Amino acid sequence: MTTLSFAAGLVTRLTTCLTARFTARFTAIAARVALLLCVGAAASLAQGSQPPVAVVRNVTDTFFGTQVDDPYRYFENRADPEVVKWMKAHDQHARSQLARIPGRNALLEKIVRYDSSVSDRVAQVTRVPGDLYFSERRGAADNQFKLYVRQGLTGADKLLVDPEAIEKKTGQPHAINWYSPSPDGRLVAYGLSSGGSEAAVLHVMDTRTGKAVGRPVDRADYGGVGWTADGKTLVFIRLQAMRKGMPETMKYQHSQVLAMKVGQPIASARPVFGTAIKGLGIGAAESPYVQLTPDGRWALGYVFNGTQREVGLFVAPQRGVLEGNPRWKRLLAAADAVTGVAYFDDTLYMVTHKGAPRSQVLAMSLKAPDLKTAQVVVPSSDRVVVNVAAAADALYIETRDGNVKRLFKRAHGAGAAGAATAAVEVPLPVEGSFELAGEGIRSAHPALPGVVIDLQGWNRARQIFAVAADGSVTNTGLQPAGPFDAPADVVATEVKVKSHDGAMVPMSIVHKKGVALDGNNPTILWGYASYGITEEPFYSVNRLAWLDAGGVYAFANPRGSGVYGEDWYKGGFQATKPNSWKDFIACAEYLVAQKYTRPARLGIFGGSAGGILVGRAMTERPELFAAVVPAVGALDAIRWEVSANGIPNIPEFGSVKTEAGFRALLAMSTYANIKPGTAYPAVLLTHGVNDPRVDVWESTKTAARLMAATTSGKPVLIRLDFDAGHGVGSTKKQQLEERADIFAFMLWQMGVPGYQP
């Protein structure tokens, strides 16, 4: 999941992420049900109202001479009344069990109090010429982020889009998936979806009047909106229409970039990039995106091969594209290993790991584009080059030193490469993390000097800073400060852990000062380790509730993350994916060996593709953990390709159509590696039923198989939210209640006093 400076957050929407659901009250009858004590208090289960046991209807597939059993294949049909009944009964059972945990409500109250301690949470800040700042803000009393604009940093916010008002009218929770203001800020395009589905509908609004411009356009899940300099035409990505009888796997194939005059009907839009344009060699499963350069000279056509980090790139004169006569020329293929791009004044800056495992930056003139003659403007070093962004004064470079980010700037020089100047570091006020382009900030604009970044650390809350052309860094004040933003008693210990083959795995351990190394601390180990995503320092007020309960929170960067660049990422990729969970297991063993905790008080937690990590750590070393939580987990790898989002994920994980791909997927499948008669730890699976990224049946099938296989007597619970998806668009209420349930479940299963039913 890489994000390019021109398309902040786009690739994130193409792949996978995490979290958030909604809790229902349990009935008075369930509260009176007696408890069955199994394997001590941590294994308590309610009697008398047990949910139905899933019937086994085994399907056996054979891949390259290997038979793979699938006893719950029928769970993939969500419309099956038997499956629906099972899901609802088990969700109700899980919620009743979680509600019985004595400290759960107090824990939720504390999480809500921490979260509400700041007047506003601010996300997705975008600045445009005219000193306009767009942002998504959620007030302490709000349940969802709303879109605002203000004039100047100290100006009053003007409300543009309120998903809560829409929910009141429709009865369904709505969310803003993405937004993109026109160059002068007079218009804003935004995507709105309901129920966590991420099925975004494109709307255009006049920011002065608040009125809609034109009609809504459906199938705009990815957004990818670009504007002409005059704001009269926009380009955007549109998914193909799913006709009756088409397999679900076609959903994200043959998407096109359309150009449309603002206010005109969708019937007037015409394709300008994608498979509809003949002769480009774009694959059906590749996602197109077009950036219109602000100077009006060029159209840049990007091709994303699913979740692959490396992009393809075409260029064409912008005028021809808008007139319906595009003359595209391919500049980059995936083999060129470019993962980040920025444009300024006919110069294309490219982050590439080709010949540079920790990446470097090249510059190429679009007047005579030839990658062979591109100049190195930021050479490779011990630091990992993550991304670049072009502002009016300089090229800004985001680098990673371990898991701490560093910011550099390089003045635009003469010629295509600007070879006369060197990059210099911009000192930042917090040792932590930021993004030049991502879900939180769209930092740079080629007509404006400097950049805006969001900066945070393990014990410093996210604040939004302006980096001026002279290198000075000031807090913009866009994100209000809260009373718990800088806890003096919270520290992070950075360690490196020797893995099974001698590789040294970085891990950050967040805890209160003076933590006792007596093996008694309830501890959560979190990991992800896919797509080259790194666990960088970030702040969470609800994490304080865990620390207040005497807990330790550790964050691992196994192979499969990008903490040390391309080689580290590819060390946990497809056939080498077992290194990811072996590294994770080594981190768990370290926490035990150093007496931060012991197996009876150690839980592991991972979301989305992190489900691979925690699921396979559990199936390999079930005795090492007290509790396991896969949230919206990717758990049934053999069946990924039958789902809509499985096709885009083939570049990351492989395909069962090749023997090497099948062997890799079989190894990383939690579902396929569950063994009957095994004493598994307690497991809580959470999932939004409307998840478009990881189908809910990955969790339901895995839950059913674990329930049938485990001999430990410890609970296997599945908590479902029928008004949520992958976590994108989940309301604050959904998010905080799910987090309270996860923490309470962990503390219950770790035997912590005050959390035993």
Foldseek 3Di string as FASTA:
>chain_A
DAAFLQQFALLVLLAADFDFFFADDADPVQLPFDWDAFPHLLLIAGPDLDADFDAFDWDWDAFPNDIFIFRPVVLVPVVPPVNVSRVVSQQNRLRSVLVNFQCLVVLLVQQLCLQQQFQKDWFAWDAAPQQKIWIWIAGSPGWATFIWMARHLPGDTDTQGDQVVVCVVVVWGKYWQDKDAARVRQKMWTWMDTLAQLFTKIWMAGNVVSDTAADIHTQQSSFLWEAALVRQKIKGKGWDDDDPPDFQQQGQFQIFIWMDGIRDHPVPIDGLDTVVDPDPPAGRNWGWHWYQANVQFKIKIWTALQLAQAIWIWIFGNVCSNVVRTDIDTQDDSVQAWRYWEDADQKIWTWGCVVNQLTFIWIAGNVDGDPVPTHTQGDHDQWRFRYWYAAQFWIKTWIADQQWIWIWTWGQAPDRRNNPTHIDTQDDPDRWDWDCGYRGYSWHDHHHAWTKIWGAFQQAATFIWTQGSVSDIDTSCSGPDGPRRGDPQKDKDWAWFQFPVRDTWIKIKIAGPPQDLAQAAQEEEEEQQASQAADIGHYDSSVVSSRVLRHMYMYIHAQCHQSRGNVSNVCCFALNVVSLLRSVVRVLVVCVVSRVHFQLRYEYEYEANSLLNQLLNQLVCQSSHQEYEYELYPAAQQCLSSHNSSSSCCVGHHHSVDVSSVVSSCNSHSLSSQAAPAAGHEYEYEFECSARHRHPSSVVSSLSSCVRRHDSSHYHGYNYHPSHYRHSSHIPNRRSSVVSSVSLSSCSSSVRPSRRD
